[in-house]
């Protein structure tokens, strides 16, 4: 079931990935930018109680996780380092989401 979901979104983001490849953007750069977007989205919007906006921002940047992997496979640059970087930065993003929600909750949890 989830494989169909992944295939659908990969197909949707292929043009973006190919554009980034033509522009000379590396998959690692896409990974870093995606992580920064998730971290900032989680730590800026969630503590303020702007949960819906935070979810939208985070979701937009989470798609970079599909794009960077597709780019690496297409360019033939998949590596253990890239896999390690991707999974490590994913955990950093997860931690930021948890931290943003925890801050919001412990500051009263008022949804604005």
Foldseek 3Di string as FASTA:
>chain_A
DVVVVLVVLLVVCVVVLVVCVVVVHALLNLLVVLLVQLLCLLQPQLLVQNVVSSVVSNVVSVSSLSSSVVNCVVVVNDDPVVVVSNVVSVVVSVVSNVVSNVNNVVVPVDHD
